């Protein structure tokens, strides 16, 4: 990489902060700015990247390349810092464009899909690390095993999380691509579901089909996602290898007599000829257990891969079985031994803010100890919220479940309003905070109170006869409401992609001050 001074605008985001740190580690001069201070900003400053809060043309002194988050022009196309960079003739690019350049000459393994990208990317990355393949990795969340949201390796493999918003993943040309799920998302950018599918089709058709890598061009899809079938319908003339994975909840643990002769030589068979809706998954999770533990067994084309052993997960929920199976399929396709993959999956504790258990024990409310479990989670789409709450109910059946949710973006809230109303059915108490605007401005069309009112009208929400939905307000008011509602034994899940995590931080800070 040619030496330059790169300034990252919106550096507090997870993806852009990972790329900034990778470029910094490569010896580039890096600086950044963001609208507000955050844990990510503090972490960047600790590794030696100067970050300023706020935007100003003064930040561009000595800069020759401005790297931006797509949220910057989406929120304010006339941002003074951005306008000044263009007027001065600086090179301006998104961090996804920059990452696309870093991926050149690498065997790229991209994880895409509406749900589970970060967790699946981390699981696959760790499996390859444990197998000695030494990949470079870019992930949209901090991975505790790495202590960061990236890893720099020395091999030909580069694992990255590929986001569809703004057609960001069009900058990547992977040799192997995972699609975890497809359903309509990002209504602020995509005009329709067809436009959403167009983006994924373009991404797959842009895969690396020509280079001489150890694996054939491979698409790995989730057969439990109807949207993945819609994608495959568009790819009938695509010439790469397609591998499917899926969950069989009815399968017994009885096995046939056939074994896989070589666990490091996985040969897949085509999954569609004619109608691609009639096939069995190449990789199948069965004998799935979700209550009190999360485990499953794995078959490849009907043959047991682990000699009767289970894959154990520390993360709860069927959705994490899907994530793990996707990572298993990708690592196995690369030739990693099944036992190594299983051990790696068992050791994975989860990414930051992905069902992250932040605290178990007493919180002091008005001087009285209340024993609770606090969980932080990134879920902000109704499907993800429902899956997270269902997983919590299965793993911790005896606890009262309190969901604290901050809606993310006005467009998402109004587009999926009916789905949000039903997403909290597994909660005993739901507290809805004010909408986090992200890259949007409030036009007055939708308010968090509207969601609360709709939820309150739905009788099915009252699952136990004593369930309730409450309006939280801003972060301080939401924390106050939560404190008032807490009881000993509660499992509290604080969810959203905005700054709702500050409620958790405030509760933990208050606990520490009480102990002092």
Protein backbone atom coordinates (compact mmCIF):
# COMPACT_ATOMS: atom_id res chain seq x y z
CA UNK A 1 0.00 0.00 0.00
CA UNK A 2 1.31 3.42 -0.99
CA UNK A 3 2.05 5.54 2.06
CA UNK A 4 -0.55 8.21 2.71
CA UNK A 5 -2.45 9.96 5.48
CA UNK A 6 -5.91 8.46 5.66
CA UNK A 7 -8.59 10.22 7.68
CA UNK A 8 -11.61 8.09 8.62
CA UNK A 9 -14.87 9.98 9.00
CA UNK A 10 -17.42 8.13 11.14
CA UNK A 11 -14.63 5.98 12.56
CA UNK A 12 -16.73 4.88 15.54
CA UNK A 13 -18.61 2.29 13.50
CA UNK A 14 -17.57 -1.33 13.89
CA UNK A 15 -16.69 -2.06 10.26
CA UNK A 16 -14.85 1.16 9.55
CA UNK A 17 -12.96 0.98 12.85
CA UNK A 18 -11.71 -2.51 11.95
CA UNK A 19 -10.38 -1.34 8.59
CA UNK A 20 -8.82 1.76 10.16
CA UNK A 21 -6.94 -0.41 12.64
CA UNK A 22 -5.79 -2.79 9.91
CA UNK A 23 -4.43 0.11 7.86
CA UNK A 24 -2.84 1.60 10.98
CA UNK A 25 -1.18 -1.74 11.77
CA UNK A 26 0.22 -1.79 8.21
CA UNK A 27 2.09 1.44 8.97
CA UNK A 28 -0.21 4.02 7.38
CA UNK A 29 -0.80 7.39 9.03
CA UNK A 30 -4.39 7.22 10.28
CA UNK A 31 -6.67 9.70 12.02
CA UNK A 32 -10.41 9.81 12.50
CA UNK A 33 -13.46 11.61 13.77
CA UNK A 34 -16.96 10.68 14.84
CA UNK A 35 -20.11 12.46 15.94
CA UNK A 36 -19.76 11.32 19.53
CA UNK A 37 -17.41 9.58 21.92
CA UNK A 38 -17.96 5.86 22.39
CA UNK A 39 -16.28 2.69 23.60
CA UNK A 40 -15.01 2.12 20.05
CA UNK A 41 -13.55 5.63 19.87
CA UNK A 42 -11.77 5.09 23.18
CA UNK A 43 -10.38 1.75 21.97
CA UNK A 44 -9.02 3.40 18.81
CA UNK A 45 -7.35 6.12 20.84
CA UNK A 46 -5.75 3.48 23.05
CA UNK A 47 -4.04 1.84 20.06
CA UNK A 48 -2.61 5.19 18.96
CA UNK A 49 -5.14 6.45 16.41
CA UNK A 50 -6.03 10.10 17.09
CA UNK A 51 -9.80 10.54 17.02
CA UNK A 52 -11.65 13.83 17.37
CA UNK A 53 -15.31 14.17 18.33
CA UNK A 54 -17.35 16.13 15.79
CA UNK A 55 -16.74 16.96 12.13
CA UNK A 56 -14.69 19.87 10.84
CA UNK A 57 -12.69 20.75 7.68
CA UNK A 58 -9.78 21.42 10.05
CA UNK A 59 -9.41 17.66 10.43
CA UNK A 60 -8.17 17.45 6.83
CA UNK A 61 -4.80 19.15 7.40
CA UNK A 62 -2.14 16.95 5.79
CA UNK A 63 -4.71 14.38 4.66
CA UNK A 64 -4.67 12.98 1.12
CA UNK A 65 -7.41 10.33 1.44
CA UNK A 66 -10.77 10.69 3.19
CA UNK A 67 -12.39 7.36 4.07
CA UNK A 68 -16.05 7.66 5.02
CA UNK A 69 -18.83 5.56 6.43
CA UNK A 70 -21.79 5.43 4.00
CA UNK A 71 -23.85 6.84 6.88
CA UNK A 72 -22.07 10.19 6.55
CA UNK A 73 -23.47 11.31 3.16
CA UNK A 74 -26.75 9.53 3.89
CA UNK A 75 -27.26 11.68 6.97
CA UNK A 76 -25.83 14.90 5.56
CA UNK A 77 -24.63 15.04 1.93
CA UNK A 78 -23.51 18.63 2.53
CA UNK A 79 -21.37 17.87 5.57
CA UNK A 80 -18.74 20.62 5.72
CA UNK A 81 -15.83 18.22 6.19
CA UNK A 82 -16.93 16.05 3.27
CA UNK A 83 -17.56 19.04 1.01
CA UNK A 84 -14.15 20.52 1.88
CA UNK A 85 -12.40 17.23 1.04
CA UNK A 86 -14.00 17.18 -2.41
CA UNK A 87 -13.24 20.85 -3.04
CA UNK A 88 -9.59 20.26 -2.18
CA UNK A 89 -9.40 17.32 -4.59
CA UNK A 90 -8.75 14.72 -1.91
CA UNK A 91 -9.46 11.12 -2.75
CA UNK A 92 -12.79 10.20 -1.12
CA UNK A 93 -13.91 6.59 -0.73
CA UNK A 94 -16.07 4.46 1.53
CA UNK A 95 -14.34 2.10 3.91
CA UNK A 96 -15.89 -0.77 1.95
CA UNK A 97 -14.11 0.45 -1.19
CA UNK A 98 -10.86 0.57 0.76
CA UNK A 99 -11.42 -2.93 2.12
CA UNK A 100 -12.11 -4.16 -1.41
CA UNK A 101 -8.63 -2.97 -2.34
CA UNK A 102 -7.11 -4.77 0.64
CA UNK A 103 -8.79 -7.99 -0.53
CA UNK A 104 -6.99 -8.06 -3.85
CA UNK A 105 -4.72 -11.07 -4.30
CA UNK A 106 -6.47 -12.86 -1.40
CA UNK A 107 -8.67 -15.92 -1.34
CA UNK A 108 -11.70 -14.12 0.07
CA UNK A 109 -14.34 -15.85 2.18
CA UNK A 110 -17.31 -13.50 2.63
CA UNK A 111 -20.26 -13.94 4.97
CA UNK A 112 -23.45 -12.17 3.86
CA UNK A 113 -27.12 -12.30 4.80
CA UNK A 114 -29.64 -10.34 6.84
CA UNK A 115 -29.08 -12.19 10.11
CA UNK A 116 -26.07 -13.77 11.80
CA UNK A 117 -23.29 -12.30 9.68
CA UNK A 118 -21.08 -11.23 12.56
CA UNK A 119 -21.44 -14.42 14.57
CA UNK A 120 -20.92 -16.66 11.53
CA UNK A 121 -17.90 -14.65 10.39
CA UNK A 122 -16.35 -15.01 13.85
CA UNK A 123 -17.08 -18.73 14.06
CA UNK A 124 -15.53 -19.36 10.65
CA UNK A 125 -12.53 -17.16 11.45
CA UNK A 126 -11.83 -19.01 14.70
CA UNK A 127 -12.17 -22.41 13.03
CA UNK A 128 -9.58 -21.43 10.42
CA UNK A 129 -7.26 -20.01 13.08
CA UNK A 130 -7.55 -23.21 15.14
CA UNK A 131 -6.84 -25.25 12.00
CA UNK A 132 -3.60 -23.35 11.46
CA UNK A 133 -4.73 -21.58 8.27
CA UNK A 134 -3.79 -18.16 9.74
CA UNK A 135 -6.46 -16.00 8.04
CA UNK A 136 -6.81 -12.25 8.05
CA UNK A 137 -10.28 -11.35 9.33
CA UNK A 138 -12.59 -8.32 9.35
CA UNK A 139 -15.68 -8.59 11.54
CA UNK A 140 -18.44 -6.14 12.39
CA UNK A 141 -18.14 -6.77 16.12
CA UNK A 142 -15.41 -7.25 18.70
CA UNK A 143 -14.41 -10.92 18.99
CA UNK A 144 -13.22 -11.71 22.53
CA UNK A 145 -10.73 -14.30 21.24
CA UNK A 146 -9.08 -11.56 19.16
CA UNK A 147 -9.67 -8.70 21.58
CA UNK A 148 -10.64 -6.66 18.51
CA UNK A 149 -12.90 -6.67 15.46
CA UNK A 150 -10.12 -7.72 13.14
CA UNK A 151 -7.16 -10.08 12.88
CA UNK A 152 -4.10 -9.89 10.65
CA UNK A 153 -2.82 -13.23 9.39
CA UNK A 154 -0.12 -14.26 6.95
CA UNK A 155 -1.92 -16.74 4.74
CA UNK A 156 -3.81 -16.32 1.48
CA UNK A 157 -7.20 -16.45 3.26
CA UNK A 158 -9.19 -13.34 4.13
CA UNK A 159 -12.51 -13.73 5.97
CA UNK A 160 -14.84 -10.74 5.98
CA UNK A 161 -18.37 -9.73 6.87
CA UNK A 162 -20.21 -8.55 3.75
CA UNK A 163 -23.06 -6.07 4.29
CA UNK A 164 -25.70 -5.44 1.64
CA UNK A 165 -26.62 -1.85 2.61
CA UNK A 166 -25.57 0.72 0.00
CA UNK A 167 -24.45 -2.25 -2.15
CA UNK A 168 -21.38 -2.33 0.10
CA UNK A 169 -20.65 -5.98 -0.63
CA UNK A 170 -20.30 -5.28 -4.33
CA UNK A 171 -16.74 -4.18 -3.54
CA UNK A 172 -15.84 -7.75 -2.53
CA UNK A 173 -15.21 -10.65 -4.91
CA UNK A 174 -15.05 -13.75 -2.75
CA UNK A 175 -14.09 -17.25 -3.79
CA UNK A 176 -16.46 -18.60 -1.17
CA UNK A 177 -19.60 -16.77 -0.09
CA UNK A 178 -22.06 -17.65 2.65
CA UNK A 179 -25.63 -16.34 2.54
CA UNK A 180 -27.10 -16.86 6.01
CA UNK A 181 -30.61 -15.57 5.25
CA UNK A 182 -32.51 -13.25 2.98
CA UNK A 183 -35.57 -11.18 3.87
CA UNK A 184 -36.37 -7.56 3.16
CA UNK A 185 -34.23 -5.12 5.10
CA UNK A 186 -32.86 -1.55 4.79
CA UNK A 187 -36.07 0.03 3.47
CA UNK A 188 -34.30 3.39 3.62
CA UNK A 189 -32.10 2.23 0.72
CA UNK A 190 -33.82 -0.61 -1.15
CA UNK A 191 -37.08 0.28 -2.89
CA UNK A 192 -38.44 -3.28 -2.82
CA UNK A 193 -37.70 -6.91 -2.05
CA UNK A 194 -36.82 -7.44 -5.73
CA UNK A 195 -34.22 -4.67 -5.51
CA UNK A 196 -32.88 -6.37 -2.39
CA UNK A 197 -32.58 -9.69 -4.26
CA UNK A 198 -30.95 -7.90 -7.20
CA UNK A 199 -28.18 -6.78 -4.85
CA UNK A 200 -27.46 -10.32 -3.67
CA UNK A 201 -27.56 -11.72 -7.22
CA UNK A 202 -25.07 -9.06 -8.35
CA UNK A 203 -22.82 -9.93 -5.38
CA UNK A 204 -22.79 -13.65 -6.21
CA UNK A 205 -22.26 -13.07 -9.92
CA UNK A 206 -19.28 -10.89 -9.03
CA UNK A 207 -17.50 -13.71 -7.19
CA UNK A 208 -13.93 -14.70 -8.08
CA UNK A 209 -14.44 -17.37 -10.74
CA UNK A 210 -11.05 -17.32 -12.47
CA UNK A 211 -8.20 -17.40 -9.94
CA UNK A 212 -6.35 -20.62 -9.10
CA UNK A 213 -7.29 -21.16 -5.44
CA UNK A 214 -7.45 -24.46 -3.51
CA UNK A 215 -11.27 -24.42 -3.65
CA UNK A 216 -13.76 -24.04 -6.49
CA UNK A 217 -16.04 -20.98 -6.52
CA UNK A 218 -18.53 -21.90 -3.80
CA UNK A 219 -21.84 -20.48 -2.62
CA UNK A 220 -23.09 -21.74 0.75
CA UNK A 221 -26.79 -21.10 1.39
CA UNK A 222 -29.25 -21.66 4.22
CA UNK A 223 -32.04 -23.92 3.00
CA UNK A 224 -34.19 -22.85 5.98
CA UNK A 225 -34.40 -19.30 4.59
CA UNK A 226 -37.08 -18.91 1.87
CA UNK A 227 -35.20 -15.91 0.53
CA UNK A 228 -32.20 -18.11 -0.26
CA UNK A 229 -34.44 -20.15 -2.59
CA UNK A 230 -35.48 -16.92 -4.28
CA UNK A 231 -31.80 -16.16 -4.83
CA UNK A 232 -31.09 -19.63 -6.21
CA UNK A 233 -33.97 -19.26 -8.65
CA UNK A 234 -32.05 -16.33 -10.13
CA UNK A 235 -28.77 -18.28 -10.29
CA UNK A 236 -29.73 -21.27 -12.44
CA UNK A 237 -27.06 -20.40 -14.99
CA UNK A 238 -24.36 -19.65 -12.40
CA UNK A 239 -21.42 -22.04 -12.80
CA UNK A 240 -20.05 -22.20 -9.28
CA UNK A 241 -20.53 -24.93 -6.68
CA UNK A 242 -23.57 -24.60 -4.42
CA UNK A 243 -23.56 -26.10 -0.93
CA UNK A 244 -26.66 -26.09 1.26
CA UNK A 245 -27.04 -26.37 5.00
CA UNK A 246 -30.16 -26.84 7.06
CA UNK A 247 -31.64 -28.03 10.34
CA UNK A 248 -33.67 -31.20 10.76
CA UNK A 249 -35.62 -30.92 14.01
CA UNK A 250 -37.41 -34.24 13.46
CA UNK A 251 -34.35 -36.42 12.85
CA UNK A 252 -33.53 -39.03 15.49
CA UNK A 253 -30.02 -39.82 16.58
CA UNK A 254 -30.13 -43.24 14.88
CA UNK A 255 -27.34 -43.50 12.37
CA UNK A 256 -26.79 -45.63 9.30
CA UNK A 257 -23.73 -47.76 8.79
CA UNK A 258 -21.93 -45.45 6.38
CA UNK A 259 -19.07 -43.29 7.61
CA UNK A 260 -17.16 -40.51 5.95
CA UNK A 261 -13.93 -42.09 4.79
CA UNK A 262 -11.87 -38.93 5.06
CA UNK A 263 -13.04 -36.10 7.36
CA UNK A 264 -10.80 -33.63 5.54
CA UNK A 265 -12.14 -34.42 2.06
CA UNK A 266 -15.72 -33.21 1.80
CA UNK A 267 -17.23 -33.77 -1.63
CA UNK A 268 -20.51 -31.99 -2.19
CA UNK A 269 -23.16 -32.85 -4.76
CA UNK A 270 -25.28 -30.39 -6.77
CA UNK A 271 -28.38 -29.26 -4.95
CA UNK A 272 -30.49 -28.16 -7.86
CA UNK A 273 -31.24 -29.68 -11.22
CA UNK A 274 -34.51 -28.48 -12.59
CA UNK A 275 -36.49 -27.39 -9.55
CA UNK A 276 -34.01 -26.32 -6.89
CA UNK A 277 -36.73 -26.47 -4.23
CA UNK A 278 -36.53 -30.25 -3.96
CA UNK A 279 -33.26 -31.29 -2.40
CA UNK A 280 -31.72 -32.41 0.85
CA UNK A 281 -29.17 -30.24 2.62
CA UNK A 282 -25.57 -31.17 2.08
CA UNK A 283 -24.75 -30.25 5.68
CA UNK A 284 -27.50 -31.04 8.17
CA UNK A 285 -27.81 -30.35 11.87
CA UNK A 286 -29.93 -32.93 13.69
CA UNK A 287 -30.56 -34.19 17.20
CA UNK A 288 -30.77 -30.49 18.10
CA UNK A 289 -31.09 -29.59 21.77
CA UNK A 290 -32.07 -26.09 22.88
CA UNK A 291 -33.48 -26.32 26.40
CA UNK A 292 -30.86 -25.69 29.05
CA UNK A 293 -28.07 -26.23 26.51
CA UNK A 294 -27.40 -25.76 22.81
CA UNK A 295 -26.03 -28.77 20.94
CA UNK A 296 -26.47 -30.68 17.71
CA UNK A 297 -24.94 -33.38 15.54
CA UNK A 298 -23.81 -32.97 11.93
CA UNK A 299 -24.37 -35.03 8.81
CA UNK A 300 -22.90 -34.51 5.36
CA UNK A 301 -25.05 -35.99 2.61
CA UNK A 302 -26.63 -38.28 5.19
CA UNK A 303 -23.39 -39.45 6.81
CA UNK A 304 -22.38 -38.61 10.37
CA UNK A 305 -19.27 -36.44 10.47
CA UNK A 306 -18.25 -36.61 14.10
CA UNK A 307 -18.64 -40.30 14.96
CA UNK A 308 -21.69 -39.68 17.10
CA UNK A 309 -20.29 -36.68 18.99
CA UNK A 310 -22.28 -33.49 19.50
CA UNK A 311 -21.30 -29.95 18.66
CA UNK A 312 -21.74 -27.92 21.84
CA UNK A 313 -22.39 -24.18 21.70
CA UNK A 314 -22.14 -21.63 24.48
CA UNK A 315 -24.63 -19.37 22.70
CA UNK A 316 -28.35 -20.15 22.96
CA UNK A 317 -30.94 -20.52 20.24
CA UNK A 318 -31.79 -22.20 16.98
CA UNK A 319 -30.45 -19.20 15.08
CA UNK A 320 -27.01 -19.85 16.54
CA UNK A 321 -27.22 -23.49 15.47
CA UNK A 322 -27.77 -22.12 11.95
CA UNK A 323 -24.80 -19.77 12.30
CA UNK A 324 -22.58 -22.57 13.56
CA UNK A 325 -23.67 -24.93 10.79
CA UNK A 326 -22.90 -22.30 8.15
CA UNK A 327 -19.40 -21.86 9.59
CA UNK A 328 -19.00 -25.64 9.82
CA UNK A 329 -19.97 -26.05 6.16
CA UNK A 330 -17.54 -23.35 5.01
CA UNK A 331 -14.60 -24.60 7.10
CA UNK A 332 -15.24 -28.20 6.03
CA UNK A 333 -15.39 -27.15 2.38
CA UNK A 334 -11.92 -25.67 2.91
CA UNK A 335 -10.72 -29.04 4.20
CA UNK A 336 -10.69 -28.39 7.95
CA UNK A 337 -11.16 -31.53 10.07
CA UNK A 338 -14.64 -31.83 11.59
CA UNK A 339 -13.34 -32.38 15.11
CA UNK A 340 -11.27 -29.20 14.90
CA UNK A 341 -14.33 -27.25 13.77
CA UNK A 342 -16.47 -28.70 16.56
CA UNK A 343 -13.87 -27.84 19.21
CA UNK A 344 -13.56 -24.31 17.86
CA UNK A 345 -17.33 -23.80 17.90
CA UNK A 346 -17.51 -25.12 21.46
CA UNK A 347 -14.91 -22.59 22.61
CA UNK A 348 -16.65 -19.60 21.03
CA UNK A 349 -18.15 -17.33 23.68
CA UNK A 350 -19.83 -14.95 21.27
CA UNK A 351 -19.12 -11.47 19.94
CA UNK A 352 -19.62 -8.29 21.89
CA UNK A 353 -23.32 -7.40 22.07
CA UNK A 354 -24.43 -10.75 20.60
CA UNK A 355 -26.24 -12.29 23.56
CA UNK A 356 -23.33 -11.06 25.64
CA UNK A 357 -23.89 -11.84 29.32
CA UNK A 358 -22.58 -8.69 30.96
CA UNK A 359 -23.44 -9.46 34.58
CA UNK A 360 -25.04 -11.99 36.91
CA UNK A 361 -25.66 -11.08 40.52
CA UNK A 362 -27.15 -8.36 42.71
CA UNK A 363 -27.92 -4.87 41.50
CA UNK A 364 -28.77 -2.38 44.23
CA UNK A 365 -32.04 -0.57 43.61
CA UNK A 366 -32.86 1.98 46.29
CA UNK A 367 -30.30 0.25 48.48
CA UNK A 368 -31.90 -3.19 48.12
CA UNK A 369 -30.12 -6.07 46.29
CA UNK A 370 -32.00 -7.52 43.32
CA UNK A 371 -30.39 -10.58 41.76
CA UNK A 372 -30.55 -10.38 37.96
CA UNK A 373 -28.80 -11.42 34.74
CA UNK A 374 -27.95 -8.62 32.28
CA UNK A 375 -27.52 -9.47 28.59
CA UNK A 376 -26.54 -7.07 25.79
CA UNK A 377 -27.67 -7.89 22.26
CA UNK A 378 -27.45 -6.16 18.88
CA UNK A 379 -30.84 -7.40 17.61
CA UNK A 380 -32.75 -4.63 15.83
CA UNK A 381 -34.77 -6.42 13.13
CA UNK A 382 -38.04 -8.05 14.31
CA UNK A 383 -36.91 -11.52 13.18
CA UNK A 384 -33.68 -11.19 15.18
CA UNK A 385 -35.54 -9.87 18.24
CA UNK A 386 -37.98 -12.79 18.20
CA UNK A 387 -35.14 -15.30 17.77
CA UNK A 388 -33.15 -13.77 20.63
CA UNK A 389 -36.11 -13.80 23.04
CA UNK A 390 -37.08 -17.34 22.05
CA UNK A 391 -33.50 -18.47 22.66
CA UNK A 392 -33.48 -16.81 26.09
CA UNK A 393 -36.78 -18.47 27.00
CA UNK A 394 -35.42 -21.89 26.02
CA UNK A 395 -32.06 -21.54 27.76
CA UNK A 396 -33.43 -19.92 30.94
CA UNK A 397 -37.02 -21.19 31.26
CA UNK A 398 -37.45 -20.30 34.92
CA UNK A 399 -36.65 -16.61 34.65
CA UNK A 400 -38.93 -13.64 34.05
CA UNK A 401 -37.84 -12.14 30.73
CA UNK A 402 -37.51 -8.36 30.51
CA UNK A 403 -36.79 -6.96 27.04
CA UNK A 404 -35.47 -3.41 26.76
CA UNK A 405 -35.44 -2.36 23.11
CA UNK A 406 -34.33 0.77 21.28
CA UNK A 407 -35.88 0.89 17.79
CA UNK A 408 -33.24 1.59 15.14
CA UNK A 409 -34.16 4.10 12.42
CA UNK A 410 -37.57 5.53 11.62
CA UNK A 411 -37.84 3.83 8.22
CA UNK A 412 -37.22 0.38 9.68
CA UNK A 413 -39.68 0.96 12.53
CA UNK A 414 -42.56 2.03 10.30
CA UNK A 415 -41.88 -0.51 7.53
CA UNK A 416 -41.83 -3.47 9.92
CA UNK A 417 -44.25 -2.09 12.51
CA UNK A 418 -46.59 -5.10 12.43
CA UNK A 419 -43.68 -7.52 12.75
CA UNK A 420 -42.26 -5.55 15.68
CA UNK A 421 -45.63 -5.82 17.43
CA UNK A 422 -45.35 -9.62 17.38
CA UNK A 423 -41.58 -9.83 17.95
CA UNK A 424 -41.82 -9.53 21.75
CA UNK A 425 -44.28 -12.36 22.39
CA UNK A 426 -41.76 -14.29 24.50
CA UNK A 427 -41.14 -11.35 26.84
CA UNK A 428 -42.88 -10.83 30.18
CA UNK A 429 -42.05 -7.12 30.15
CA UNK A 430 -41.10 -5.01 27.14
CA UNK A 431 -39.69 -1.51 27.58
CA UNK A 432 -39.47 0.48 24.34
CA UNK A 433 -37.02 3.39 24.26
CA UNK A 434 -37.04 6.30 21.84
CA UNK A 435 -36.05 5.56 18.23
CA UNK A 436 -32.33 5.82 17.46
CA UNK A 437 -32.12 7.89 14.24
CA UNK A 438 -28.74 6.59 12.98
CA UNK A 439 -28.39 8.05 9.46
CA UNK A 440 -31.94 9.45 9.34
CA UNK A 441 -33.77 12.54 10.57
CA UNK A 442 -37.06 12.55 12.44
CA UNK A 443 -39.90 13.60 10.14
CA UNK A 444 -42.58 12.95 12.75
CA UNK A 445 -44.10 10.00 10.86
CA UNK A 446 -43.41 7.39 13.56
CA UNK A 447 -42.61 7.50 17.29
CA UNK A 448 -41.70 4.82 19.82
CA UNK A 449 -45.02 5.52 21.54
CA UNK A 450 -46.79 4.31 18.37
CA UNK A 451 -45.11 0.92 18.70
CA UNK A 452 -45.98 0.75 22.40
CA UNK A 453 -49.62 1.56 21.66
CA UNK A 454 -49.86 -1.13 18.96
CA UNK A 455 -48.24 -3.73 21.23
CA UNK A 456 -50.60 -2.87 24.07
CA UNK A 457 -53.58 -3.56 21.80
CA UNK A 458 -52.42 -7.08 20.98
CA UNK A 459 -53.85 -9.46 23.55
CA UNK A 460 -51.52 -12.27 22.51
CA UNK A 461 -48.64 -10.23 23.90
CA UNK A 462 -50.01 -10.86 27.40
CA UNK A 463 -48.49 -14.33 27.39
CA UNK A 464 -48.65 -14.87 31.15
CA UNK A 465 -51.59 -12.64 31.99
CA UNK A 466 -49.25 -10.25 33.77
CA UNK A 467 -47.04 -9.15 30.88
CA UNK A 468 -46.74 -5.47 30.12
CA UNK A 469 -45.31 -3.09 27.53
CA UNK A 470 -43.95 0.27 28.68
CA UNK A 471 -42.64 3.37 26.98
CA UNK A 472 -39.11 4.12 28.15
CA UNK A 473 -38.22 7.46 26.57
CA UNK A 474 -34.58 8.58 26.35
CA UNK A 475 -31.72 6.54 27.78
CA UNK A 476 -31.91 8.04 31.27
CA UNK A 477 -35.69 7.63 31.48
CA UNK A 478 -35.47 4.09 30.09
CA UNK A 479 -32.96 3.13 32.76
CA UNK A 480 -35.22 4.63 35.42
CA UNK A 481 -38.19 2.63 34.11
CA UNK A 482 -36.13 -0.55 34.05
CA UNK A 483 -34.95 -0.02 37.64
CA UNK A 484 -38.55 0.39 38.74
CA UNK A 485 -39.60 -2.88 37.04
CA UNK A 486 -36.71 -5.13 38.13
CA UNK A 487 -37.33 -8.17 40.33
CA UNK A 488 -34.99 -10.82 41.68
CA UNK A 489 -34.54 -13.60 39.15
CA UNK A 490 -35.09 -11.42 36.09
CA UNK A 491 -33.24 -12.01 32.83
CA UNK A 492 -32.85 -8.56 31.24
CA UNK A 493 -31.99 -8.37 27.54
CA UNK A 494 -31.02 -4.89 26.38
CA UNK A 495 -31.36 -4.82 22.59
CA UNK A 496 -30.70 -2.50 19.68
CA UNK A 497 -28.03 -1.26 17.31
CA UNK A 498 -27.88 2.28 18.70
CA UNK A 499 -26.65 3.57 22.06
CA UNK A 500 -28.99 1.46 24.22
CA UNK A 501 -25.90 -0.32 25.55
CA UNK A 502 -25.30 2.77 27.69
CA UNK A 503 -28.17 1.62 29.91
CA UNK A 504 -26.18 -1.50 30.72
CA UNK A 505 -23.04 0.53 31.29
CA UNK A 506 -24.88 2.86 33.66
CA UNK A 507 -26.32 -0.02 35.68
CA UNK A 508 -22.91 -1.64 36.01
CA UNK A 509 -21.25 1.64 36.94
CA UNK A 510 -23.84 2.20 39.67
CA UNK A 511 -23.17 -1.30 41.00
CA UNK A 512 -19.43 -0.65 41.14
CA UNK A 513 -19.97 2.63 42.97
CA UNK A 514 -22.19 0.88 45.51
CA UNK A 515 -19.51 -1.75 46.15
CA UNK A 516 -16.93 0.98 46.72
